[in-house]
Amino acid sequence: QVQLQESGPGLVNPSQTLSLTCAVFGDSILTNYYWTWVRQPPGKGLEWIGSMTHSGSSYYNPSLESRASIFRDTSKNQFTLQLASAIPEDTAVYYCVRDVLVGGVDRTRGTWGQGTQVTVSS
């Protein structure tokens, strides 16, 4: 059974880079899925951040594309989100997802990590 586990700092200072890693167990990130990051700010809906394919191509939400990067470490079977120049509006619960489609968010689709809270504040 595949499991995804997010890790990273829970508190980030404004203007710094927010960095989260997703460790994948029970599957390889080289299999044909979209390895995805999603977030949910407090009191708001889910927002797709971006996805990486099994071949290493990346796709990003246009609203975040200038600040977001997703890369992977195949030797550790994990993928990482970096969000540069963090702002308080980046405060959210962040999820990594093994998804079957790119873009959009469907909580009933794919396999989700448990989520991790990140707060951007000084």
Protein backbone atom coordinates (compact mmCIF):
# COMPACT_ATOMS: atom_id res chain seq x y z
CA GLN A 1 0.00 0.00 0.00
CA VAL A 2 1.44 3.33 -1.04
CA GLN A 3 1.98 5.98 1.61
CA LEU A 4 3.17 9.58 1.31
CA GLN A 5 4.67 11.55 4.17
CA GLU A 6 5.35 15.29 4.18
CA SER A 7 8.12 16.84 6.25
CA GLY A 8 9.58 20.28 6.72
CA PRO A 9 9.63 23.29 9.03
CA GLY A 10 6.32 24.34 10.49
CA LEU A 11 7.35 27.99 10.70
CA VAL A 12 8.95 30.04 7.94
CA ASN A 13 9.99 33.67 8.05
CA PRO A 14 8.58 35.98 5.40
CA SER A 15 10.83 36.37 2.35
CA GLN A 16 12.56 33.06 3.04
CA THR A 17 12.11 29.90 1.00
CA LEU A 18 9.47 27.44 2.13
CA SER A 19 10.75 23.91 1.55
CA LEU A 20 8.84 20.67 2.05
CA THR A 21 9.74 17.09 1.18
CA CYS A 22 7.44 14.18 0.44
CA ALA A 23 8.78 10.69 1.11
CA VAL A 24 7.02 7.95 -0.83
CA PHE A 25 6.68 4.40 0.47
CA GLY A 26 5.26 1.43 -1.38
CA ASP A 27 5.71 2.88 -4.86
CA SER A 28 8.40 4.52 -6.95
CA ILE A 29 8.24 8.15 -8.02
CA LEU A 30 9.32 6.86 -11.43
CA THR A 31 5.94 5.19 -11.94
CA ASN A 32 3.42 6.84 -14.23
CA TYR A 33 1.63 9.23 -11.88
CA TYR A 34 1.60 12.95 -11.24
CA TRP A 35 3.54 13.62 -8.04
CA THR A 36 1.73 16.67 -6.79
CA TRP A 37 1.66 19.38 -4.16
CA VAL A 38 -1.62 20.88 -2.92
CA ARG A 39 -2.32 23.32 -0.12
CA GLN A 40 -5.28 24.54 1.89
CA PRO A 41 -5.08 27.97 3.55
CA PRO A 42 -7.13 28.47 6.70
CA GLY A 43 -10.80 28.92 5.90
CA LYS A 44 -10.25 28.39 2.16
CA GLY A 45 -10.45 25.59 -0.36
CA LEU A 46 -7.76 23.33 -1.73
CA GLU A 47 -5.30 24.85 -4.20
CA TRP A 48 -3.17 22.92 -6.67
CA ILE A 49 0.46 24.11 -6.54
CA GLY A 50 2.17 21.90 -9.08
CA SER A 51 3.01 18.42 -10.25
CA MET A 52 5.97 16.43 -11.51
CA THR A 53 5.60 13.52 -13.90
CA HIS A 54 7.43 10.21 -13.70
CA SER A 55 9.79 11.50 -16.41
CA GLY A 56 10.64 14.65 -14.48
CA SER A 57 8.53 17.24 -16.30
CA SER A 58 6.91 19.85 -14.07
CA TYR A 59 3.64 21.79 -14.25
CA TYR A 60 2.68 24.68 -12.01
CA ASN A 61 -0.33 26.74 -11.05
CA PRO A 62 0.13 29.97 -13.06
CA SER A 63 -0.47 32.02 -9.92
CA LEU A 64 2.51 30.38 -8.20
CA GLU A 65 4.72 29.49 -11.13
CA SER A 66 7.15 32.36 -10.57
CA ARG A 67 7.92 31.17 -7.02
CA ALA A 68 7.36 27.41 -7.03
CA SER A 69 9.79 24.63 -7.91
CA ILE A 70 9.37 20.89 -7.63
CA PHE A 71 12.33 18.58 -7.89
CA ARG A 72 13.04 15.00 -6.92
CA ASP A 73 15.66 12.71 -5.48
CA THR A 74 15.15 9.31 -7.06
CA SER A 75 17.78 7.69 -4.82
CA LYS A 76 15.65 8.59 -1.79
CA ASN A 77 12.30 8.17 -3.58
CA GLN A 78 11.12 11.62 -2.55
CA PHE A 79 10.14 14.88 -4.13
CA THR A 80 10.45 18.41 -2.81
CA LEU A 81 8.50 21.63 -3.08
CA GLN A 82 10.26 24.95 -2.76
CA LEU A 83 8.27 28.17 -2.63
CA ALA A 84 10.52 31.21 -2.79
CA SER A 85 9.91 34.58 -1.15
CA ALA A 86 7.34 33.25 1.28
CA ILE A 87 4.49 35.57 2.30
CA PRO A 88 1.92 35.22 5.10
CA GLU A 89 -0.67 34.19 2.49
CA ASP A 90 1.38 31.01 1.97
CA THR A 91 0.27 29.86 5.42
CA ALA A 92 -1.60 26.61 4.83
CA VAL A 93 -1.73 22.88 5.32
CA TYR A 94 0.41 21.39 2.56
CA TYR A 95 -0.28 17.96 1.09
CA CYS A 96 1.65 15.77 -1.29
CA VAL A 97 -0.44 13.61 -3.56
CA ARG A 98 0.06 10.74 -5.96
CA ASP A 99 -2.44 11.77 -8.58
CA VAL A 100 -3.72 10.37 -11.86
CA LEU A 101 -4.42 13.75 -13.46
CA VAL A 102 -2.51 17.01 -13.58
CA GLY A 103 -4.03 20.27 -12.41
CA GLY A 104 -7.14 20.79 -10.37
CA VAL A 105 -7.83 19.21 -7.02
CA ASP A 106 -10.16 16.38 -6.12
CA ARG A 107 -9.95 15.14 -2.56
CA THR A 108 -11.50 11.84 -3.62
CA ARG A 109 -8.88 11.27 -6.31
CA GLY A 110 -5.39 9.93 -5.81
CA THR A 111 -3.44 9.03 -2.70
CA TRP A 112 -2.78 11.80 -0.19
CA GLY A 113 -0.29 12.36 2.57
CA GLN A 114 -1.61 13.38 5.97
CA GLY A 115 -0.65 17.02 5.43
CA THR A 116 1.67 19.35 7.29
CA GLN A 117 0.95 22.82 8.67
CA VAL A 118 3.23 25.63 7.55
CA THR A 119 2.94 29.11 8.99
CA VAL A 120 4.69 32.08 7.42
CA SER A 121 5.28 34.66 10.11
CA SER A 122 8.05 36.62 11.76
